[in-house]
Amino acid sequence: MKNCSLVIILSLIIAVSACKKENRLESKLEGTWELRHLIGFVPPDRKGDRPPGNGDIYTFKGNNFERLMGGIIIDSGTFLVLNDISNYNEKLEFKIVFDGGKYDNTIPFQLVSGKLILHFGALASDGAIATYAKL
């Protein structure tokens, strides 16, 4: 009986700590992010470094998002963060699930040194990696 209780308690602790980490990530996403670098399977004129003010922007507020290009909203809706391992380009622990917008999709991501790094597919085949800086 003690073993069963211990297993239940440990399971609850793990579940609660995973939810807290996802909530912390959602709060770290809060704000406006602008594209700074793009590599992979993309048009040649979009590859490489992007200057500040380029207009390729994600804005996260609460559980809502907007995607702007050149000052025009090209997508908006809700999002959530999932703890879900993917192995596109490297082992990534979290994904953003965009919902209700023009493009419903799930994108593995990293938050590293104040940068939002989105991984679109496998870089080795036809994927891309976009690095955004917080404004």
N, C-alpha and C. Protein backbone atom coordinates (compact mmCIF):
# COMPACT_ATOMS: atom_id res chain seq x y z
N MET A 1 0.82 -1.19 0.00
CA MET A 1 0.00 0.00 0.00
C MET A 1 0.86 1.26 0.00
N LYS A 2 1.97 1.20 0.79
CA LYS A 2 2.86 2.35 0.85
C LYS A 2 3.48 2.62 -0.52
N ASN A 3 3.85 1.55 -1.23
CA ASN A 3 4.45 1.71 -2.57
C ASN A 3 3.47 2.35 -3.54
N CYS A 4 2.20 1.95 -3.47
CA CYS A 4 1.18 2.52 -4.35
C CYS A 4 0.99 4.01 -4.06
N SER A 5 0.94 4.37 -2.79
CA SER A 5 0.80 5.78 -2.42
C SER A 5 1.99 6.59 -2.87
N LEU A 6 3.18 6.04 -2.74
CA LEU A 6 4.39 6.72 -3.15
C LEU A 6 4.39 6.97 -4.66
N VAL A 7 3.98 5.98 -5.42
CA VAL A 7 3.92 6.11 -6.88
C VAL A 7 2.92 7.21 -7.27
N ILE A 8 1.79 7.25 -6.63
CA ILE A 8 0.77 8.26 -6.94
C ILE A 8 1.29 9.66 -6.61
N ILE A 9 1.91 9.81 -5.46
CA ILE A 9 2.45 11.11 -5.05
C ILE A 9 3.54 11.57 -6.01
N LEU A 10 4.45 10.68 -6.37
CA LEU A 10 5.51 11.04 -7.32
C LEU A 10 4.94 11.42 -8.68
N SER A 11 3.93 10.71 -9.14
CA SER A 11 3.30 11.03 -10.42
C SER A 11 2.68 12.42 -10.40
N LEU A 12 2.02 12.76 -9.30
CA LEU A 12 1.42 14.09 -9.18
C LEU A 12 2.48 15.18 -9.16
N ILE A 13 3.57 14.97 -8.46
CA ILE A 13 4.65 15.96 -8.41
C ILE A 13 5.23 16.19 -9.79
N ILE A 14 5.46 15.13 -10.54
CA ILE A 14 6.01 15.25 -11.90
C ILE A 14 5.03 16.00 -12.80
N ALA A 15 3.75 15.68 -12.72
CA ALA A 15 2.75 16.35 -13.56
C ALA A 15 2.67 17.83 -13.24
N VAL A 16 2.66 18.18 -11.97
CA VAL A 16 2.57 19.59 -11.57
C VAL A 16 3.81 20.35 -12.00
N SER A 17 4.99 19.76 -11.83
CA SER A 17 6.22 20.47 -12.21
C SER A 17 6.30 20.66 -13.71
N ALA A 18 5.82 19.72 -14.51
CA ALA A 18 5.81 19.88 -15.97
C ALA A 18 4.89 21.02 -16.38
N CYS A 19 3.72 21.12 -15.77
CA CYS A 19 2.79 22.22 -16.08
C CYS A 19 3.40 23.56 -15.72
N LYS A 20 4.07 23.65 -14.59
CA LYS A 20 4.69 24.91 -14.17
C LYS A 20 5.74 25.34 -15.17
N LYS A 21 6.54 24.40 -15.68
CA LYS A 21 7.59 24.75 -16.64
C LYS A 21 6.96 25.27 -17.93
N GLU A 22 5.90 24.63 -18.41
CA GLU A 22 5.22 25.09 -19.61
C GLU A 22 4.64 26.49 -19.39
N ASN A 23 4.05 26.74 -18.22
CA ASN A 23 3.50 28.07 -17.93
C ASN A 23 4.61 29.11 -17.89
N ARG A 24 5.76 28.77 -17.32
CA ARG A 24 6.88 29.70 -17.30
C ARG A 24 7.33 30.01 -18.72
N LEU A 25 7.37 29.00 -19.59
CA LEU A 25 7.76 29.24 -20.98
C LEU A 25 6.76 30.14 -21.68
N GLU A 26 5.47 29.91 -21.45
CA GLU A 26 4.46 30.78 -22.06
C GLU A 26 4.64 32.21 -21.61
N SER A 27 4.98 32.43 -20.33
CA SER A 27 5.19 33.80 -19.86
C SER A 27 6.47 34.38 -20.44
N LYS A 28 7.49 33.57 -20.68
CA LYS A 28 8.72 34.06 -21.31
C LYS A 28 8.50 34.40 -22.78
N LEU A 29 7.52 33.76 -23.42
CA LEU A 29 7.18 34.09 -24.82
C LEU A 29 6.45 35.42 -24.92
N GLU A 30 5.81 35.84 -23.84
CA GLU A 30 5.02 37.07 -23.82
C GLU A 30 5.83 38.24 -24.39
N GLY A 31 5.24 38.96 -25.33
CA GLY A 31 5.89 40.13 -25.91
C GLY A 31 6.01 40.02 -27.42
N THR A 32 6.88 40.86 -27.97
CA THR A 32 7.05 40.96 -29.42
C THR A 32 8.44 40.48 -29.80
N TRP A 33 8.49 39.64 -30.83
CA TRP A 33 9.73 39.03 -31.30
C TRP A 33 9.89 39.34 -32.79
N GLU A 34 11.09 39.75 -33.18
CA GLU A 34 11.35 40.06 -34.58
C GLU A 34 12.45 39.15 -35.13
N LEU A 35 12.26 38.69 -36.36
CA LEU A 35 13.21 37.80 -37.01
C LEU A 35 14.59 38.45 -37.13
N ARG A 36 15.64 37.69 -36.79
CA ARG A 36 17.01 38.18 -36.89
C ARG A 36 17.88 37.31 -37.79
N HIS A 37 17.51 36.01 -37.93
CA HIS A 37 18.33 35.13 -38.76
C HIS A 37 17.46 33.98 -39.27
N LEU A 38 17.69 33.59 -40.51
CA LEU A 38 16.93 32.51 -41.13
C LEU A 38 17.85 31.64 -41.97
N ILE A 39 17.82 30.33 -41.71
CA ILE A 39 18.62 29.40 -42.51
C ILE A 39 17.75 28.23 -42.93
N GLY A 40 18.20 27.50 -43.95
CA GLY A 40 17.51 26.30 -44.38
C GLY A 40 16.87 26.46 -45.75
N PHE A 41 15.80 25.71 -45.95
CA PHE A 41 15.10 25.65 -47.23
C PHE A 41 14.13 26.83 -47.33
N VAL A 42 14.67 27.98 -47.70
CA VAL A 42 13.89 29.22 -47.84
C VAL A 42 14.38 29.95 -49.09
N PRO A 43 13.60 30.89 -49.61
CA PRO A 43 14.06 31.65 -50.77
C PRO A 43 15.41 32.32 -50.48
N PRO A 44 16.31 32.35 -51.45
CA PRO A 44 17.65 32.90 -51.24
C PRO A 44 17.65 34.33 -50.69
N ASP A 45 16.69 35.14 -51.09
CA ASP A 45 16.67 36.53 -50.62
C ASP A 45 16.23 36.65 -49.16
N ARG A 46 15.73 35.57 -48.55
CA ARG A 46 15.32 35.60 -47.15
C ARG A 46 16.34 34.96 -46.22
N LYS A 47 17.37 34.29 -46.77
CA LYS A 47 18.37 33.61 -45.94
C LYS A 47 19.30 34.60 -45.27
N GLY A 48 19.84 34.15 -44.13
CA GLY A 48 20.88 34.91 -43.45
C GLY A 48 20.34 35.89 -42.42
N ASP A 49 21.19 36.85 -42.08
CA ASP A 49 20.84 37.84 -41.06
C ASP A 49 19.78 38.81 -41.57
N ARG A 50 18.92 39.22 -40.66
CA ARG A 50 17.87 40.19 -40.96
C ARG A 50 18.07 41.41 -40.05
N PRO A 51 17.99 42.60 -40.60
CA PRO A 51 18.22 43.81 -39.79
C PRO A 51 17.01 44.14 -38.90
N PRO A 52 17.25 44.87 -37.81
CA PRO A 52 16.12 45.35 -37.01
C PRO A 52 15.18 46.18 -37.88
N GLY A 53 13.89 46.06 -37.60
CA GLY A 53 12.90 46.80 -38.37
C GLY A 53 12.47 46.09 -39.64
N ASN A 54 12.80 44.79 -39.78
CA ASN A 54 12.46 44.06 -41.01
C ASN A 54 10.99 43.70 -41.10
N GLY A 55 10.25 43.80 -39.99
CA GLY A 55 8.80 43.62 -40.04
C GLY A 55 8.29 42.19 -39.95
N ASP A 56 9.18 41.20 -39.79
CA ASP A 56 8.76 39.80 -39.63
C ASP A 56 8.65 39.55 -38.12
N ILE A 57 7.42 39.60 -37.61
CA ILE A 57 7.20 39.69 -36.16
C ILE A 57 6.16 38.67 -35.68
N TYR A 58 6.44 38.08 -34.51
CA TYR A 58 5.46 37.32 -33.73
C TYR A 58 5.19 38.12 -32.46
N THR A 59 3.91 38.25 -32.09
CA THR A 59 3.53 38.86 -30.83
C THR A 59 2.71 37.85 -30.03
N PHE A 60 3.11 37.64 -28.78
CA PHE A 60 2.41 36.72 -27.88
C PHE A 60 1.88 37.52 -26.70
N LYS A 61 0.58 37.37 -26.44
CA LYS A 61 -0.04 38.05 -25.31
C LYS A 61 -1.07 37.10 -24.70
N GLY A 62 -0.86 36.72 -23.44
CA GLY A 62 -1.73 35.71 -22.84
C GLY A 62 -1.57 34.42 -23.61
N ASN A 63 -2.68 33.89 -24.10
CA ASN A 63 -2.59 32.70 -24.95
C ASN A 63 -2.94 33.03 -26.41
N ASN A 64 -2.80 34.31 -26.78
CA ASN A 64 -3.06 34.77 -28.15
C ASN A 64 -1.76 35.11 -28.85
N PHE A 65 -1.77 34.98 -30.17
CA PHE A 65 -0.61 35.37 -30.96
C PHE A 65 -1.04 36.13 -32.20
N GLU A 66 -0.12 36.91 -32.74
CA GLU A 66 -0.27 37.54 -34.05
C GLU A 66 1.05 37.36 -34.78
N ARG A 67 0.96 37.18 -36.08
CA ARG A 67 2.14 37.11 -36.93
C ARG A 67 2.02 38.24 -37.95
N LEU A 68 3.01 39.11 -37.99
CA LEU A 68 3.01 40.24 -38.90
C LEU A 68 4.18 40.12 -39.88
N MET A 69 3.95 40.57 -41.08
CA MET A 69 5.01 40.72 -42.07
C MET A 69 4.79 42.06 -42.75
N GLY A 70 5.79 42.92 -42.66
CA GLY A 70 5.67 44.24 -43.27
C GLY A 70 4.53 45.06 -42.71
N GLY A 71 4.23 44.90 -41.42
CA GLY A 71 3.17 45.67 -40.78
C GLY A 71 1.77 45.14 -41.02
N ILE A 72 1.64 44.03 -41.75
CA ILE A 72 0.33 43.44 -42.05
C ILE A 72 0.18 42.14 -41.26
N ILE A 73 -0.96 41.98 -40.57
CA ILE A 73 -1.22 40.74 -39.83
C ILE A 73 -1.51 39.64 -40.85
N ILE A 74 -0.66 38.62 -40.86
CA ILE A 74 -0.88 37.51 -41.79
C ILE A 74 -1.47 36.29 -41.10
N ASP A 75 -1.46 36.28 -39.76
CA ASP A 75 -2.04 35.17 -39.02
C ASP A 75 -2.28 35.61 -37.58
N SER A 76 -3.29 35.05 -36.96
CA SER A 76 -3.55 35.30 -35.54
C SER A 76 -4.45 34.19 -35.01
N GLY A 77 -4.45 34.04 -33.70
CA GLY A 77 -5.25 33.00 -33.07
C GLY A 77 -4.76 32.76 -31.67
N THR A 78 -4.89 31.53 -31.20
CA THR A 78 -4.43 31.16 -29.88
C THR A 78 -3.24 30.22 -30.00
N PHE A 79 -2.52 30.07 -28.90
CA PHE A 79 -1.40 29.14 -28.87
C PHE A 79 -1.30 28.52 -27.49
N LEU A 80 -0.59 27.41 -27.43
CA LEU A 80 -0.22 26.82 -26.15
C LEU A 80 1.13 26.14 -26.32
N VAL A 81 1.79 25.90 -25.19
CA VAL A 81 3.09 25.26 -25.20
C VAL A 81 2.92 23.84 -24.69
N LEU A 82 3.49 22.88 -25.44
CA LEU A 82 3.45 21.48 -25.03
C LEU A 82 4.85 20.99 -24.73
N ASN A 83 4.95 20.15 -23.72
CA ASN A 83 6.19 19.45 -23.43
C ASN A 83 6.16 18.18 -24.26
N ASP A 84 6.85 18.19 -25.38
CA ASP A 84 6.78 17.09 -26.33
C ASP A 84 8.12 17.02 -27.07
N ILE A 85 8.85 15.95 -26.88
CA ILE A 85 10.19 15.81 -27.47
C ILE A 85 10.08 15.64 -28.98
N SER A 86 10.91 16.39 -29.72
CA SER A 86 11.03 16.21 -31.17
C SER A 86 12.50 16.11 -31.51
N ASN A 87 12.80 15.50 -32.60
CA ASN A 87 14.19 15.28 -33.00
C ASN A 87 14.45 15.79 -34.41
N TYR A 88 13.89 16.95 -34.77
CA TYR A 88 14.12 17.47 -36.11
C TYR A 88 15.59 17.76 -36.36
N ASN A 89 16.11 18.75 -35.70
CA ASN A 89 17.49 19.18 -35.93
C ASN A 89 18.37 18.83 -34.74
N GLU A 90 17.78 18.79 -33.60
CA GLU A 90 18.40 18.38 -32.35
C GLU A 90 17.25 18.04 -31.42
N LYS A 91 17.57 17.47 -30.28
CA LYS A 91 16.49 17.08 -29.37
C LYS A 91 15.86 18.32 -28.76
N LEU A 92 14.62 18.59 -29.12
CA LEU A 92 13.89 19.76 -28.63
C LEU A 92 12.79 19.29 -27.70
N GLU A 93 12.64 19.98 -26.58
CA GLU A 93 11.73 19.53 -25.53
C GLU A 93 10.33 20.12 -25.63
N PHE A 94 10.20 21.29 -26.28
CA PHE A 94 8.91 21.98 -26.28
C PHE A 94 8.44 22.35 -27.68
N LYS A 95 7.11 22.46 -27.81
CA LYS A 95 6.49 22.87 -29.07
C LYS A 95 5.46 23.94 -28.80
N ILE A 96 5.32 24.86 -29.76
CA ILE A 96 4.23 25.83 -29.72
C ILE A 96 3.16 25.29 -30.65
N VAL A 97 1.94 25.22 -30.15
CA VAL A 97 0.81 24.79 -30.98
C VAL A 97 -0.01 26.03 -31.30
N PHE A 98 -0.03 26.41 -32.58
CA PHE A 98 -0.82 27.55 -33.03
C PHE A 98 -2.18 27.02 -33.47
N ASP A 99 -3.25 27.68 -33.03
CA ASP A 99 -4.59 27.20 -33.31
C ASP A 99 -5.50 28.37 -33.63
N GLY A 100 -6.47 28.12 -34.49
CA GLY A 100 -7.49 29.12 -34.77
C GLY A 100 -7.07 30.16 -35.78
N GLY A 101 -5.84 30.09 -36.21
CA GLY A 101 -5.36 31.06 -37.19
C GLY A 101 -5.46 30.51 -38.59
N LYS A 102 -4.85 31.21 -39.48
CA LYS A 102 -4.82 30.82 -40.89
C LYS A 102 -4.06 29.50 -41.08
N TYR A 103 -2.97 29.37 -40.32
CA TYR A 103 -2.12 28.18 -40.42
C TYR A 103 -2.06 27.49 -39.07
N ASP A 104 -2.89 26.46 -38.87
CA ASP A 104 -2.81 25.68 -37.64
C ASP A 104 -1.59 24.78 -37.77
N ASN A 105 -0.62 24.95 -36.87
CA ASN A 105 0.53 24.09 -36.92
C ASN A 105 1.22 24.01 -35.57
N THR A 106 2.15 23.09 -35.48
CA THR A 106 2.93 22.86 -34.28
C THR A 106 4.39 23.03 -34.63
N ILE A 107 5.10 23.87 -33.86
CA ILE A 107 6.48 24.18 -34.19
C ILE A 107 7.36 23.93 -32.97
N PRO A 108 8.33 23.01 -33.08
CA PRO A 108 9.30 22.84 -32.00
C PRO A 108 10.10 24.14 -31.84
N PHE A 109 10.45 24.46 -30.58
CA PHE A 109 11.17 25.71 -30.35
C PHE A 109 12.12 25.60 -29.17
N GLN A 110 12.99 26.61 -29.10
CA GLN A 110 13.90 26.77 -27.98
C GLN A 110 13.88 28.24 -27.57
N LEU A 111 14.12 28.49 -26.30
CA LEU A 111 14.40 29.83 -25.81
C LEU A 111 15.83 29.78 -25.28
N VAL A 112 16.74 30.45 -25.99
CA VAL A 112 18.16 30.39 -25.65
C VAL A 112 18.72 31.80 -25.62
N SER A 113 19.27 32.18 -24.48
CA SER A 113 19.92 33.49 -24.33
C SER A 113 19.05 34.64 -24.84
N GLY A 114 17.77 34.62 -24.49
CA GLY A 114 16.86 35.70 -24.88
C GLY A 114 16.43 35.65 -26.33
N LYS A 115 16.66 34.54 -27.01
CA LYS A 115 16.24 34.40 -28.40
C LYS A 115 15.21 33.28 -28.52
N LEU A 116 14.25 33.48 -29.38
CA LEU A 116 13.25 32.47 -29.70
C LEU A 116 13.68 31.81 -31.00
N ILE A 117 13.92 30.49 -30.94
CA ILE A 117 14.39 29.76 -32.11
C ILE A 117 13.32 28.76 -32.51
N LEU A 118 12.74 28.96 -33.70
CA LEU A 118 11.68 28.10 -34.23
C LEU A 118 12.28 27.13 -35.24
N HIS A 119 11.93 25.86 -35.12
CA HIS A 119 12.44 24.81 -36.01
C HIS A 119 11.31 24.31 -36.89
N PHE A 120 11.40 24.58 -38.18
CA PHE A 120 10.38 24.16 -39.15
C PHE A 120 10.90 22.94 -39.90
N GLY A 121 10.46 21.75 -39.52
CA GLY A 121 10.88 20.54 -40.20
C GLY A 121 12.34 20.20 -39.97
N ALA A 122 12.82 19.20 -40.70
CA ALA A 122 14.20 18.74 -40.57
C ALA A 122 15.11 19.56 -41.47
N LEU A 123 16.07 20.23 -40.89
CA LEU A 123 16.97 21.11 -41.64
C LEU A 123 17.71 20.34 -42.74
N ALA A 124 18.05 19.10 -42.48
CA ALA A 124 18.80 18.31 -43.45
C ALA A 124 18.02 18.04 -44.73
N SER A 125 16.69 18.03 -44.66
CA SER A 125 15.91 17.75 -45.87
C SER A 125 15.32 19.03 -46.45
N ASP A 126 14.30 19.56 -45.83
CA ASP A 126 13.67 20.75 -46.40
C ASP A 126 13.19 21.71 -45.31
N GLY A 127 13.83 21.68 -44.16
CA GLY A 127 13.40 22.50 -43.04
C GLY A 127 14.08 23.85 -43.00
N ALA A 128 13.76 24.60 -41.97
CA ALA A 128 14.36 25.92 -41.76
C ALA A 128 14.41 26.21 -40.26
N ILE A 129 15.32 27.07 -39.87
CA ILE A 129 15.41 27.53 -38.50
C ILE A 129 15.38 29.05 -38.52
N ALA A 130 14.43 29.60 -37.76
CA ALA A 130 14.27 31.05 -37.67
C ALA A 130 14.58 31.50 -36.25
N THR A 131 15.47 32.49 -36.13
CA THR A 131 15.85 33.02 -34.83
C THR A 131 15.26 34.42 -34.66
N TYR A 132 14.51 34.61 -33.58
CA TYR A 132 13.85 35.88 -33.30
C TYR A 132 14.44 36.51 -32.04
N ALA A 133 14.54 37.84 -32.03
CA ALA A 133 15.00 38.59 -30.86
C ALA A 133 13.80 39.32 -30.28
N LYS A 134 13.77 39.41 -28.96
CA LYS A 134 12.66 40.09 -28.29
C LYS A 134 12.85 41.60 -28.41
N LEU A 135 11.79 42.30 -28.77
CA LEU A 135 11.84 43.75 -28.88
C LEU A 135 11.50 44.42 -27.57
